[in-house]
Protein backbone atom coordinates (compact mmCIF):
# COMPACT_ATOMS: atom_id res chain seq x y z
CA UNK A 1 0.00 0.00 0.00
CA UNK A 2 1.26 3.48 -0.85
CA UNK A 3 1.03 6.25 1.71
CA UNK A 4 1.27 9.95 1.00
CA UNK A 5 4.74 10.24 2.53
CA UNK A 6 6.14 7.95 -0.20
CA UNK A 7 4.83 10.16 -3.02
CA UNK A 8 7.36 12.05 -5.06
CA UNK A 9 6.99 14.45 -8.00
CA UNK A 10 6.80 11.66 -10.57
CA UNK A 11 3.93 9.99 -8.72
CA UNK A 12 2.05 13.27 -8.34
CA UNK A 13 2.39 13.94 -12.07
CA UNK A 14 0.37 10.85 -12.96
CA UNK A 15 -2.79 12.99 -12.66
CA UNK A 16 -2.83 14.93 -15.95
CA UNK A 17 -6.06 16.97 -15.91
CA UNK A 18 -9.77 16.64 -15.05
CA UNK A 19 -12.29 15.60 -17.68
CA UNK A 20 -15.12 18.11 -18.13
CA UNK A 21 -17.77 16.56 -20.37
CA UNK A 22 -21.54 16.13 -20.14
CA UNK A 23 -21.22 12.68 -18.59
CA UNK A 24 -18.48 13.80 -16.18
CA UNK A 25 -20.61 16.72 -14.93
CA UNK A 26 -23.56 14.35 -14.38
CA UNK A 27 -21.28 12.14 -12.29
CA UNK A 28 -20.50 15.10 -10.01
CA UNK A 29 -23.96 14.63 -8.46
CA UNK A 30 -22.80 11.18 -7.25
CA UNK A 31 -19.55 12.66 -5.86
CA UNK A 32 -17.54 11.07 -8.70
CA UNK A 33 -14.76 12.93 -10.51
CA UNK A 34 -13.06 11.98 -13.79
CA UNK A 35 -9.37 12.51 -14.52
CA UNK A 36 -6.96 11.66 -17.32
CA UNK A 37 -4.06 9.77 -15.77
CA UNK A 38 -0.79 8.24 -16.90
CA UNK A 39 -1.53 4.98 -18.79
CA UNK A 40 1.08 3.08 -16.75
CA UNK A 41 -0.34 4.06 -13.35
CA UNK A 42 -2.24 1.65 -11.11
CA UNK A 43 -5.20 2.20 -8.78
CA UNK A 44 -3.28 2.47 -5.45
CA UNK A 45 -0.95 5.10 -6.93
CA UNK A 46 -3.88 7.08 -8.37
CA UNK A 47 -5.69 6.92 -5.01
CA UNK A 48 -2.63 8.13 -3.10
CA UNK A 49 -2.03 10.98 -5.56
CA UNK A 50 -5.67 12.19 -5.44
CA UNK A 51 -5.77 12.03 -1.64
CA UNK A 52 -2.47 13.91 -1.40
CA UNK A 53 -3.24 16.60 -3.98
CA UNK A 54 -6.82 17.43 -2.99
CA UNK A 55 -6.85 16.38 0.71
CA UNK A 56 -9.91 14.13 0.31
CA UNK A 57 -10.81 10.51 1.15
CA UNK A 58 -11.14 8.24 -1.90
CA UNK A 59 -13.56 5.31 -1.57
CA UNK A 60 -13.36 3.73 -5.02
CA UNK A 61 -11.54 4.09 -8.35
CA UNK A 62 -12.66 2.81 -11.74
CA UNK A 63 -10.17 2.96 -14.60
CA UNK A 64 -10.51 2.51 -18.35
CA UNK A 65 -8.00 2.43 -21.20
CA UNK A 66 -9.66 4.38 -23.98
CA UNK A 67 -8.55 3.47 -27.52
CA UNK A 68 -7.09 5.83 -30.07
CA UNK A 69 -9.67 7.17 -32.52
CA UNK A 70 -9.47 8.28 -36.11
CA UNK A 71 -9.88 12.05 -36.55
CA UNK A 72 -10.36 13.79 -39.89
CA UNK A 73 -9.72 17.49 -40.53
CA UNK A 74 -10.43 18.26 -44.18
CA UNK A 75 -8.35 16.00 -46.34
CA UNK A 76 -6.00 15.05 -43.51
CA UNK A 77 -6.62 11.93 -41.45
CA UNK A 78 -4.91 11.43 -38.13
CA UNK A 79 -5.38 9.76 -34.78
CA UNK A 80 -6.42 11.04 -31.37
CA UNK A 81 -4.02 9.55 -28.86
CA UNK A 82 -4.73 6.71 -26.45
CA UNK A 83 -5.26 7.67 -22.81
CA UNK A 84 -6.34 6.23 -19.47
CA UNK A 85 -9.33 7.62 -17.59
CA UNK A 86 -9.93 7.27 -13.84
CA UNK A 87 -13.33 7.86 -12.26
CA UNK A 88 -12.77 8.57 -8.56
CA UNK A 89 -15.56 8.22 -5.98
CA UNK A 90 -15.08 10.37 -2.88
CA UNK A 91 -16.54 9.89 0.59
CA UNK A 92 -19.57 11.90 1.68
CA UNK A 93 -18.72 15.50 2.53
CA UNK A 94 -15.53 15.62 0.44
CA UNK A 95 -15.48 17.67 -2.76
CA UNK A 96 -12.95 18.82 -5.34
CA UNK A 97 -13.41 22.32 -6.75
CA UNK A 98 -12.83 21.92 -10.49
CA UNK A 99 -14.27 25.28 -11.49
CA UNK A 100 -12.61 28.57 -10.56
CA UNK A 101 -14.78 30.98 -8.63
CA UNK A 102 -15.16 34.45 -10.09
CA UNK A 103 -15.07 37.52 -7.87
PDB file of N, CA and C in Angstrom:
ATOM      1  N   UNK A   1       0.842  -1.182   0.000  1.00  0.00           N
ATOM      2  CA  UNK A   1       0.000   0.000   0.000  1.00  0.00           C
ATOM      3  C   UNK A   1       0.883   1.240   0.000  1.00  0.00           C
ATOM      4  N   UNK A   2       0.484   2.252  -0.716  1.00  0.00           N
ATOM      5  CA  UNK A   2       1.261   3.476  -0.849  1.00  0.00           C
ATOM      6  C   UNK A   2       0.676   4.531   0.072  1.00  0.00           C
ATOM      7  N   UNK A   3       1.519   5.144   0.886  1.00  0.00           N
ATOM      8  CA  UNK A   3       1.026   6.249   1.706  1.00  0.00           C
ATOM      9  C   UNK A   3       1.533   7.558   1.128  1.00  0.00           C
ATOM     10  N   UNK A   4       0.958   8.661   1.601  1.00  0.00           N
ATOM     11  CA  UNK A   4       1.268   9.952   0.996  1.00  0.00           C
ATOM     12  C   UNK A   4       2.699  10.396   1.257  1.00  0.00           C
ATOM     13  N   UNK A   5       3.357   9.842   2.273  1.00  0.00           N
ATOM     14  CA  UNK A   5       4.740  10.237   2.527  1.00  0.00           C
ATOM     15  C   UNK A   5       5.689   9.645   1.495  1.00  0.00           C
ATOM     16  N   UNK A   6       5.278   8.561   0.801  1.00  0.00           N
ATOM     17  CA  UNK A   6       6.141   7.948  -0.200  1.00  0.00           C
ATOM     18  C   UNK A   6       5.939   8.546  -1.587  1.00  0.00           C
ATOM     19  N   UNK A   7       5.050   9.527  -1.715  1.00  0.00           N
ATOM     20  CA  UNK A   7       4.830  10.156  -3.018  1.00  0.00           C
ATOM     21  C   UNK A   7       5.974  11.102  -3.346  1.00  0.00           C
ATOM     22  N   UNK A   8       6.396  11.077  -4.588  1.00  0.00           N
ATOM     23  CA  UNK A   8       7.363  12.054  -5.060  1.00  0.00           C
ATOM     24  C   UNK A   8       6.768  12.756  -6.273  1.00  0.00           C
ATOM     25  N   UNK A   9       7.525  13.649  -6.888  1.00  0.00           N
ATOM     26  CA  UNK A   9       6.994  14.447  -7.997  1.00  0.00           C
ATOM     27  C   UNK A   9       6.539  13.592  -9.171  1.00  0.00           C
ATOM     28  N   UNK A  10       7.212  12.490  -9.443  1.00  0.00           N
ATOM     29  CA  UNK A  10       6.800  11.663 -10.572  1.00  0.00           C
ATOM     30  C   UNK A  10       5.470  10.973 -10.295  1.00  0.00           C
ATOM     31  N   UNK A  11       5.204  10.605  -9.043  1.00  0.00           N
ATOM     32  CA  UNK A  11       3.925   9.987  -8.717  1.00  0.00           C
ATOM     33  C   UNK A  11       2.797  11.004  -8.722  1.00  0.00           C
ATOM     34  N   UNK A  12       3.079  12.230  -8.341  1.00  0.00           N
ATOM     35  CA  UNK A  12       2.048  13.265  -8.341  1.00  0.00           C
ATOM     36  C   UNK A  12       1.687  13.643  -9.771  1.00  0.00           C
ATOM     37  N   UNK A  13       2.634  13.558 -10.684  1.00  0.00           N
ATOM     38  CA  UNK A  13       2.392  13.942 -12.075  1.00  0.00           C
ATOM     39  C   UNK A  13       1.619  12.905 -12.868  1.00  0.00           C
ATOM     40  N   UNK A  14       1.181  11.819 -12.232  1.00  0.00           N
ATOM     41  CA  UNK A  14       0.368  10.845 -12.956  1.00  0.00           C
ATOM     42  C   UNK A  14      -1.027  11.385 -13.220  1.00  0.00           C
ATOM     43  N   UNK A  15      -1.497  12.365 -12.431  1.00  0.00           N
ATOM     44  CA  UNK A  15      -2.788  12.993 -12.664  1.00  0.00           C
ATOM     45  C   UNK A  15      -2.559  14.114 -13.671  1.00  0.00           C
ATOM     46  N   UNK A  16      -3.080  13.945 -14.893  1.00  0.00           N
ATOM     47  CA  UNK A  16      -2.829  14.927 -15.948  1.00  0.00           C
ATOM     48  C   UNK A  16      -3.768  16.125 -15.845  1.00  0.00           C
ATOM     49  N   UNK A  17      -5.075  15.892 -15.977  1.00  0.00           N
ATOM     50  CA  UNK A  17      -6.062  16.975 -15.909  1.00  0.00           C
ATOM     51  C   UNK A  17      -7.445  16.363 -15.720  1.00  0.00           C
ATOM     52  N   UNK A  18      -8.404  17.152 -15.208  1.00  0.00           N
ATOM     53  CA  UNK A  18      -9.770  16.637 -15.051  1.00  0.00           C
ATOM     54  C   UNK A  18     -10.502  16.594 -16.390  1.00  0.00           C
ATOM     55  N   UNK A  19     -11.461  15.706 -16.495  1.00  0.00           N
ATOM     56  CA  UNK A  19     -12.286  15.598 -17.684  1.00  0.00           C
ATOM     57  C   UNK A  19     -13.583  16.357 -17.414  1.00  0.00           C
ATOM     58  N   UNK A  20     -13.890  17.327 -18.281  1.00  0.00           N
ATOM     59  CA  UNK A  20     -15.117  18.115 -18.131  1.00  0.00           C
ATOM     60  C   UNK A  20     -15.966  17.866 -19.367  1.00  0.00           C
ATOM     61  N   UNK A  21     -16.844  16.870 -19.299  1.00  0.00           N
ATOM     62  CA  UNK A  21     -17.774  16.560 -20.373  1.00  0.00           C
ATOM     63  C   UNK A  21     -19.175  16.490 -19.787  1.00  0.00           C
ATOM     64  N   UNK A  22     -20.173  16.246 -20.627  1.00  0.00           N
ATOM     65  CA  UNK A  22     -21.543  16.129 -20.137  1.00  0.00           C
ATOM     66  C   UNK A  22     -21.679  14.979 -19.143  1.00  0.00           C
ATOM     67  N   UNK A  23     -21.116  13.836 -19.475  1.00  0.00           N
ATOM     68  CA  UNK A  23     -21.215  12.683 -18.585  1.00  0.00           C
ATOM     69  C   UNK A  23     -20.460  12.932 -17.283  1.00  0.00           C
ATOM     70  N   UNK A  24     -19.277  13.548 -17.376  1.00  0.00           N
ATOM     71  CA  UNK A  24     -18.485  13.805 -16.177  1.00  0.00           C
ATOM     72  C   UNK A  24     -19.182  14.786 -15.243  1.00  0.00           C
ATOM     73  N   UNK A  25     -19.891  15.782 -15.795  1.00  0.00           N
ATOM     74  CA  UNK A  25     -20.606  16.721 -14.931  1.00  0.00           C
ATOM     75  C   UNK A  25     -21.844  16.070 -14.321  1.00  0.00           C
ATOM     76  N   UNK A  26     -22.452  15.096 -14.992  1.00  0.00           N
ATOM     77  CA  UNK A  26     -23.559  14.347 -14.380  1.00  0.00           C
ATOM     78  C   UNK A  26     -23.054  13.488 -13.229  1.00  0.00           C
ATOM     79  N   UNK A  27     -21.849  12.967 -13.345  1.00  0.00           N
ATOM     80  CA  UNK A  27     -21.275  12.139 -12.285  1.00  0.00           C
ATOM     81  C   UNK A  27     -20.946  12.948 -11.033  1.00  0.00           C
ATOM     82  N   UNK A  28     -20.793  14.267 -11.169  1.00  0.00           N
ATOM     83  CA  UNK A  28     -20.496  15.102 -10.007  1.00  0.00           C
ATOM     84  C   UNK A  28     -21.609  15.024  -8.969  1.00  0.00           C
ATOM     85  N   UNK A  29     -22.845  14.765  -9.395  1.00  0.00           N
ATOM     86  CA  UNK A  29     -23.963  14.628  -8.456  1.00  0.00           C
ATOM     87  C   UNK A  29     -23.791  13.408  -7.557  1.00  0.00           C
ATOM     88  N   UNK A  30     -23.073  12.387  -8.036  1.00  0.00           N
ATOM     89  CA  UNK A  30     -22.798  11.176  -7.250  1.00  0.00           C
ATOM     90  C   UNK A  30     -21.464  11.259  -6.522  1.00  0.00           C
ATOM     91  N   UNK A  31     -20.858  12.442  -6.503  1.00  0.00           N
ATOM     92  CA  UNK A  31     -19.549  12.662  -5.865  1.00  0.00           C
ATOM     93  C   UNK A  31     -18.460  11.843  -6.556  1.00  0.00           C
ATOM     94  N   UNK A  32     -18.540  11.762  -7.897  1.00  0.00           N
ATOM     95  CA  UNK A  32     -17.541  11.067  -8.697  1.00  0.00           C
ATOM     96  C   UNK A  32     -16.866  12.070  -9.628  1.00  0.00           C
ATOM     97  N   UNK A  33     -15.546  11.995  -9.712  1.00  0.00           N
ATOM     98  CA  UNK A  33     -14.758  12.928 -10.511  1.00  0.00           C
ATOM     99  C   UNK A  33     -13.928  12.138 -11.511  1.00  0.00           C
ATOM    100  N   UNK A  34     -13.797  12.658 -12.728  1.00  0.00           N
ATOM    101  CA  UNK A  34     -13.065  11.981 -13.793  1.00  0.00           C
ATOM    102  C   UNK A  34     -11.762  12.711 -14.085  1.00  0.00           C
ATOM    103  N   UNK A  35     -10.687  11.948 -14.235  1.00  0.00           N
ATOM    104  CA  UNK A  35      -9.367  12.506 -14.515  1.00  0.00           C
ATOM    105  C   UNK A  35      -8.690  11.692 -15.600  1.00  0.00           C
ATOM    106  N   UNK A  36      -7.866  12.349 -16.413  1.00  0.00           N
ATOM    107  CA  UNK A  36      -6.964  11.655 -17.323  1.00  0.00           C
ATOM    108  C   UNK A  36      -5.680  11.410 -16.538  1.00  0.00           C
ATOM    109  N   UNK A  37      -5.240  10.156 -16.545  1.00  0.00           N
ATOM    110  CA  UNK A  37      -4.060   9.770 -15.769  1.00  0.00           C
ATOM    111  C   UNK A  37      -3.041   9.107 -16.688  1.00  0.00           C
ATOM    112  N   UNK A  38      -1.856   8.902 -16.160  1.00  0.00           N
ATOM    113  CA  UNK A  38      -0.792   8.235 -16.902  1.00  0.00           C
ATOM    114  C   UNK A  38      -1.215   6.796 -17.203  1.00  0.00           C
ATOM    115  N   UNK A  39      -1.083   6.334 -18.447  1.00  0.00           N
ATOM    116  CA  UNK A  39      -1.528   4.976 -18.793  1.00  0.00           C
ATOM    117  C   UNK A  39      -0.823   3.864 -18.021  1.00  0.00           C
ATOM    118  N   UNK A  40       0.337   4.118 -17.470  1.00  0.00           N
ATOM    119  CA  UNK A  40       1.077   3.082 -16.747  1.00  0.00           C
ATOM    120  C   UNK A  40       0.753   3.047 -15.256  1.00  0.00           C
ATOM    121  N   UNK A  41      -0.067   3.983 -14.778  1.00  0.00           N
ATOM    122  CA  UNK A  41      -0.345   4.059 -13.351  1.00  0.00           C
ATOM    123  C   UNK A  41      -1.359   2.999 -12.929  1.00  0.00           C
ATOM    124  N   UNK A  42      -1.298   2.617 -11.650  1.00  0.00           N
ATOM    125  CA  UNK A  42      -2.240   1.650 -11.107  1.00  0.00           C
ATOM    126  C   UNK A  42      -3.153   2.327 -10.090  1.00  0.00           C
ATOM    127  N   UNK A  43      -4.180   1.612  -9.646  1.00  0.00           N
ATOM    128  CA  UNK A  43      -5.202   2.196  -8.783  1.00  0.00           C
ATOM    129  C   UNK A  43      -4.664   2.692  -7.436  1.00  0.00           C
ATOM    130  N   UNK A  44      -3.784   1.944  -6.735  1.00  0.00           N
ATOM    131  CA  UNK A  44      -3.279   2.470  -5.451  1.00  0.00           C
ATOM    132  C   UNK A  44      -2.478   3.759  -5.609  1.00  0.00           C
ATOM    133  N   UNK A  45      -1.727   3.882  -6.696  1.00  0.00           N
ATOM    134  CA  UNK A  45      -0.954   5.096  -6.929  1.00  0.00           C
ATOM    135  C   UNK A  45      -1.875   6.270  -7.246  1.00  0.00           C
ATOM    136  N   UNK A  46      -2.918   6.029  -8.046  1.00  0.00           N
ATOM    137  CA  UNK A  46      -3.878   7.082  -8.365  1.00  0.00           C
ATOM    138  C   UNK A  46      -4.589   7.539  -7.100  1.00  0.00           C
ATOM    139  N   UNK A  47      -4.995   6.590  -6.261  1.00  0.00           N
ATOM    140  CA  UNK A  47      -5.685   6.916  -5.010  1.00  0.00           C
ATOM    141  C   UNK A  47      -4.803   7.763  -4.107  1.00  0.00           C
ATOM    142  N   UNK A  48      -3.542   7.370  -3.952  1.00  0.00           N
ATOM    143  CA  UNK A  48      -2.634   8.128  -3.098  1.00  0.00           C
ATOM    144  C   UNK A  48      -2.394   9.525  -3.638  1.00  0.00           C
ATOM    145  N   UNK A  49      -2.276   9.665  -4.958  1.00  0.00           N
ATOM    146  CA  UNK A  49      -2.031  10.979  -5.555  1.00  0.00           C
ATOM    147  C   UNK A  49      -3.242  11.895  -5.390  1.00  0.00           C
ATOM    148  N   UNK A  50      -4.458  11.380  -5.602  1.00  0.00           N
ATOM    149  CA  UNK A  50      -5.669  12.190  -5.442  1.00  0.00           C
ATOM    150  C   UNK A  50      -5.831  12.621  -3.990  1.00  0.00           C
ATOM    151  N   UNK A  51      -5.627  11.691  -3.061  1.00  0.00           N
ATOM    152  CA  UNK A  51      -5.770  12.034  -1.640  1.00  0.00           C
ATOM    153  C   UNK A  51      -4.726  13.064  -1.214  1.00  0.00           C
ATOM    154  N   UNK A  52      -3.527  12.962  -1.754  1.00  0.00           N
ATOM    155  CA  UNK A  52      -2.473  13.905  -1.397  1.00  0.00           C
ATOM    156  C   UNK A  52      -2.707  15.279  -2.011  1.00  0.00           C
ATOM    157  N   UNK A  53      -3.082  15.326  -3.290  1.00  0.00           N
ATOM    158  CA  UNK A  53      -3.241  16.604  -3.982  1.00  0.00           C
ATOM    159  C   UNK A  53      -4.453  17.399  -3.501  1.00  0.00           C
ATOM    160  N   UNK A  54      -5.581  16.719  -3.277  1.00  0.00           N
ATOM    161  CA  UNK A  54      -6.822  17.425  -2.991  1.00  0.00           C
ATOM    162  C   UNK A  54      -7.278  17.307  -1.540  1.00  0.00           C
ATOM    163  N   UNK A  55      -6.547  16.549  -0.712  1.00  0.00           N
ATOM    164  CA  UNK A  55      -6.847  16.384   0.708  1.00  0.00           C
ATOM    165  C   UNK A  55      -8.275  15.863   0.900  1.00  0.00           C
ATOM    166  N   UNK A  56      -8.599  14.761   0.231  1.00  0.00           N
ATOM    167  CA  UNK A  56      -9.911  14.135   0.305  1.00  0.00           C
ATOM    168  C   UNK A  56      -9.733  12.640   0.588  1.00  0.00           C
ATOM    169  N   UNK A  57     -10.814  11.951   0.911  1.00  0.00           N
ATOM    170  CA  UNK A  57     -10.805  10.514   1.148  1.00  0.00           C
ATOM    171  C   UNK A  57     -11.434   9.818  -0.045  1.00  0.00           C
ATOM    172  N   UNK A  58     -10.677   8.964  -0.722  1.00  0.00           N
ATOM    173  CA  UNK A  58     -11.140   8.241  -1.901  1.00  0.00           C
ATOM    174  C   UNK A  58     -11.701   6.890  -1.454  1.00  0.00           C
ATOM    175  N   UNK A  59     -12.925   6.588  -1.902  1.00  0.00           N
ATOM    176  CA  UNK A  59     -13.560   5.313  -1.574  1.00  0.00           C
ATOM    177  C   UNK A  59     -13.282   4.270  -2.652  1.00  0.00           C
ATOM    178  N   UNK A  60     -13.420   4.685  -3.924  1.00  0.00           N
ATOM    179  CA  UNK A  60     -13.361   3.728  -5.020  1.00  0.00           C
ATOM    180  C   UNK A  60     -12.789   4.387  -6.260  1.00  0.00           C
ATOM    181  N   UNK A  61     -12.092   3.598  -7.082  1.00  0.00           N
ATOM    182  CA  UNK A  61     -11.540   4.089  -8.349  1.00  0.00           C
ATOM    183  C   UNK A  61     -11.879   3.088  -9.447  1.00  0.00           C
ATOM    184  N   UNK A  62     -12.440   3.597 -10.532  1.00  0.00           N
ATOM    185  CA  UNK A  62     -12.657   2.811 -11.740  1.00  0.00           C
ATOM    186  C   UNK A  62     -11.742   3.375 -12.823  1.00  0.00           C
ATOM    187  N   UNK A  63     -11.055   2.498 -13.541  1.00  0.00           N
ATOM    188  CA  UNK A  63     -10.167   2.959 -14.597  1.00  0.00           C
ATOM    189  C   UNK A  63     -10.574   2.320 -15.925  1.00  0.00           C
ATOM    190  N   UNK A  64     -10.229   3.012 -17.008  1.00  0.00           N
ATOM    191  CA  UNK A  64     -10.507   2.513 -18.353  1.00  0.00           C
ATOM    192  C   UNK A  64      -9.416   2.989 -19.290  1.00  0.00           C
ATOM    193  N   UNK A  65      -8.924   2.072 -20.133  1.00  0.00           N
ATOM    194  CA  UNK A  65      -7.996   2.428 -21.200  1.00  0.00           C
ATOM    195  C   UNK A  65      -8.837   2.735 -22.427  1.00  0.00           C
ATOM    196  N   UNK A  66      -8.859   3.988 -22.834  1.00  0.00           N
ATOM    197  CA  UNK A  66      -9.657   4.383 -23.982  1.00  0.00           C
ATOM    198  C   UNK A  66      -8.808   4.293 -25.244  1.00  0.00           C
ATOM    199  N   UNK A  67      -9.345   3.707 -26.306  1.00  0.00           N
ATOM    200  CA  UNK A  67      -8.552   3.471 -27.517  1.00  0.00           C
ATOM    201  C   UNK A  67      -8.319   4.747 -28.304  1.00  0.00           C
ATOM    202  N   UNK A  68      -7.306   4.690 -29.178  1.00  0.00           N
ATOM    203  CA  UNK A  68      -7.093   5.826 -30.068  1.00  0.00           C
ATOM    204  C   UNK A  68      -8.193   5.833 -31.115  1.00  0.00           C
ATOM    205  N   UNK A  69      -8.575   7.030 -31.573  1.00  0.00           N
ATOM    206  CA  UNK A  69      -9.668   7.173 -32.521  1.00  0.00           C
ATOM    207  C   UNK A  69      -9.199   7.926 -33.756  1.00  0.00           C
ATOM    208  N   UNK A  70      -9.789   7.602 -34.868  1.00  0.00           N
ATOM    209  CA  UNK A  70      -9.466   8.276 -36.113  1.00  0.00           C
ATOM    210  C   UNK A  70     -10.123   9.654 -36.124  1.00  0.00           C
ATOM    211  N   UNK A  71      -9.385  10.676 -36.499  1.00  0.00           N
ATOM    212  CA  UNK A  71      -9.878  12.047 -36.548  1.00  0.00           C
ATOM    213  C   UNK A  71      -9.560  12.604 -37.923  1.00  0.00           C
ATOM    214  N   UNK A  72     -10.552  13.238 -38.551  1.00  0.00           N
ATOM    215  CA  UNK A  72     -10.363  13.786 -39.886  1.00  0.00           C
ATOM    216  C   UNK A  72     -10.568  15.289 -39.834  1.00  0.00           C
ATOM    217  N   UNK A  73      -9.618  16.039 -40.387  1.00  0.00           N
ATOM    218  CA  UNK A  73      -9.717  17.488 -40.530  1.00  0.00           C
ATOM    219  C   UNK A  73      -9.469  17.786 -42.003  1.00  0.00           C
ATOM    220  N   UNK A  74     -10.558  18.036 -42.746  1.00  0.00           N
ATOM    221  CA  UNK A  74     -10.427  18.263 -44.176  1.00  0.00           C
ATOM    222  C   UNK A  74      -9.949  17.019 -44.885  1.00  0.00           C
ATOM    223  N   UNK A  75      -8.877  17.144 -45.621  1.00  0.00           N
ATOM    224  CA  UNK A  75      -8.346  15.998 -46.339  1.00  0.00           C
ATOM    225  C   UNK A  75      -7.354  15.193 -45.502  1.00  0.00           C
ATOM    226  N   UNK A  76      -7.007  15.699 -44.352  1.00  0.00           N
ATOM    227  CA  UNK A  76      -6.001  15.046 -43.513  1.00  0.00           C
ATOM    228  C   UNK A  76      -6.662  14.110 -42.512  1.00  0.00           C
ATOM    229  N   UNK A  77      -6.120  12.924 -42.389  1.00  0.00           N
ATOM    230  CA  UNK A  77      -6.620  11.933 -41.448  1.00  0.00           C
ATOM    231  C   UNK A  77      -5.512  11.654 -40.441  1.00  0.00           C
ATOM    232  N   UNK A  78      -5.878  11.713 -39.179  1.00  0.00           N
ATOM    233  CA  UNK A  78      -4.910  11.435 -38.126  1.00  0.00           C
ATOM    234  C   UNK A  78      -5.575  10.639 -37.024  1.00  0.00           C
ATOM    235  N   UNK A  79      -4.894  10.541 -35.909  1.00  0.00           N
ATOM    236  CA  UNK A  79      -5.385   9.758 -34.784  1.00  0.00           C
ATOM    237  C   UNK A  79      -5.359  10.594 -33.514  1.00  0.00           C
ATOM    238  N   UNK A  80      -6.431  10.490 -32.724  1.00  0.00           N
ATOM    239  CA  UNK A  80      -6.418  11.039 -31.374  1.00  0.00           C
ATOM    240  C   UNK A  80      -5.706  10.012 -30.501  1.00  0.00           C
ATOM    241  N   UNK A  81      -4.868  10.472 -29.603  1.00  0.00           N
ATOM    242  CA  UNK A  81      -4.021   9.552 -28.860  1.00  0.00           C
ATOM    243  C   UNK A  81      -4.798   8.732 -27.838  1.00  0.00           C
ATOM    244  N   UNK A  82      -4.213   7.608 -27.474  1.00  0.00           N
ATOM    245  CA  UNK A  82      -4.730   6.709 -26.452  1.00  0.00           C
ATOM    246  C   UNK A  82      -4.499   7.339 -25.083  1.00  0.00           C
ATOM    247  N   UNK A  83      -5.449   7.172 -24.163  1.00  0.00           N
ATOM    248  CA  UNK A  83      -5.256   7.671 -22.810  1.00  0.00           C
ATOM    249  C   UNK A  83      -6.001   6.799 -21.818  1.00  0.00           C
ATOM    250  N   UNK A  84      -5.695   6.984 -20.533  1.00  0.00           N
ATOM    251  CA  UNK A  84      -6.338   6.230 -19.469  1.00  0.00           C
ATOM    252  C   UNK A  84      -7.178   7.188 -18.639  1.00  0.00           C
ATOM    253  N   UNK A  85      -8.409   6.785 -18.357  1.00  0.00           N
ATOM    254  CA  UNK A  85      -9.333   7.616 -17.589  1.00  0.00           C
ATOM    255  C   UNK A  85      -9.576   6.953 -16.241  1.00  0.00           C
ATOM    256  N   UNK A  86      -9.616   7.767 -15.179  1.00  0.00           N
ATOM    257  CA  UNK A  86      -9.930   7.273 -13.841  1.00  0.00           C
ATOM    258  C   UNK A  86     -11.146   8.022 -13.326  1.00  0.00           C
ATOM    259  N   UNK A  87     -12.162   7.276 -12.894  1.00  0.00           N
ATOM    260  CA  UNK A  87     -13.328   7.858 -12.255  1.00  0.00           C
ATOM    261  C   UNK A  87     -13.192   7.585 -10.764  1.00  0.00           C
ATOM    262  N   UNK A  88     -13.068   8.659  -9.989  1.00  0.00           N
ATOM    263  CA  UNK A  88     -12.771   8.575  -8.563  1.00  0.00           C
ATOM    264  C   UNK A  88     -14.031   8.892  -7.778  1.00  0.00           C
ATOM    265  N   UNK A  89     -14.419   8.000  -6.863  1.00  0.00           N
ATOM    266  CA  UNK A  89     -15.558   8.220  -5.983  1.00  0.00           C
ATOM    267  C   UNK A  89     -15.032   8.670  -4.624  1.00  0.00           C
ATOM    268  N   UNK A  90     -15.516   9.815  -4.160  1.00  0.00           N
ATOM    269  CA  UNK A  90     -15.075  10.366  -2.883  1.00  0.00           C
ATOM    270  C   UNK A  90     -16.089  10.044  -1.790  1.00  0.00           C
ATOM    271  N   UNK A  91     -15.639  10.114  -0.542  1.00  0.00           N
ATOM    272  CA  UNK A  91     -16.535   9.887   0.587  1.00  0.00           C
ATOM    273  C   UNK A  91     -17.485  11.063   0.737  1.00  0.00           C
ATOM    274  N   UNK A  92     -18.572  10.847   1.466  1.00  0.00           N
ATOM    275  CA  UNK A  92     -19.568  11.895   1.684  1.00  0.00           C
ATOM    276  C   UNK A  92     -18.926  13.091   2.382  1.00  0.00           C
ATOM    277  N   UNK A  93     -19.247  14.279   1.928  1.00  0.00           N
ATOM    278  CA  UNK A  93     -18.725  15.498   2.534  1.00  0.00           C
ATOM    279  C   UNK A  93     -17.456  16.019   1.888  1.00  0.00           C
ATOM    280  N   UNK A  94     -16.743  15.175   1.131  1.00  0.00           N
ATOM    281  CA  UNK A  94     -15.530  15.618   0.438  1.00  0.00           C
ATOM    282  C   UNK A  94     -15.883  16.069  -0.969  1.00  0.00           C
ATOM    283  N   UNK A  95     -15.279  17.179  -1.399  1.00  0.00           N
ATOM    284  CA  UNK A  95     -15.477  17.672  -2.756  1.00  0.00           C
ATOM    285  C   UNK A  95     -14.152  18.171  -3.305  1.00  0.00           C
ATOM    286  N   UNK A  96     -14.084  18.240  -4.629  1.00  0.00           N
ATOM    287  CA  UNK A  96     -12.946  18.815  -5.337  1.00  0.00           C
ATOM    288  C   UNK A  96     -13.499  19.962  -6.161  1.00  0.00           C
ATOM    289  N   UNK A  97     -12.943  21.159  -6.007  1.00  0.00           N
ATOM    290  CA  UNK A  97     -13.414  22.325  -6.747  1.00  0.00           C
ATOM    291  C   UNK A  97     -12.697  22.359  -8.099  1.00  0.00           C
ATOM    292  N   UNK A  98     -13.406  21.939  -9.146  1.00  0.00           N
ATOM    293  CA  UNK A  98     -12.826  21.919 -10.489  1.00  0.00           C
ATOM    294  C   UNK A  98     -13.009  23.233 -11.220  1.00  0.00           C
ATOM    295  N   UNK A  99     -13.967  24.036 -10.795  1.00  0.00           N
ATOM    296  CA  UNK A  99     -14.269  25.277 -11.493  1.00  0.00           C
ATOM    297  C   UNK A  99     -13.809  26.458 -10.656  1.00  0.00           C
ATOM    298  N   UNK A 100     -13.106  27.393 -11.264  1.00  0.00           N
ATOM    299  CA  UNK A 100     -12.605  28.571 -10.555  1.00  0.00           C
ATOM    300  C   UNK A 100     -13.769  29.503 -10.219  1.00  0.00           C
ATOM    301  N   UNK A 101     -13.739  30.059  -9.036  1.00  0.00           N
ATOM    302  CA  UNK A 101     -14.782  30.977  -8.627  1.00  0.00           C
ATOM    303  C   UNK A 101     -14.417  32.375  -9.065  1.00  0.00           C
ATOM    304  N   UNK A 102     -15.396  33.085  -9.631  1.00  0.00           N
ATOM    305  CA  UNK A 102     -15.161  34.445 -10.088  1.00  0.00           C
ATOM    306  C   UNK A 102     -15.535  35.423  -9.000  1.00  0.00           C
ATOM    307  N   UNK A 103     -14.777  36.504  -8.875  1.00  0.00           N
ATOM    308  CA  UNK A 103     -15.068  37.520  -7.867  1.00  0.00           C
ATOM    309  C   UNK A 103     -15.753  38.715  -8.503  1.00  0.00           C
TER     310      UNK A 103
END
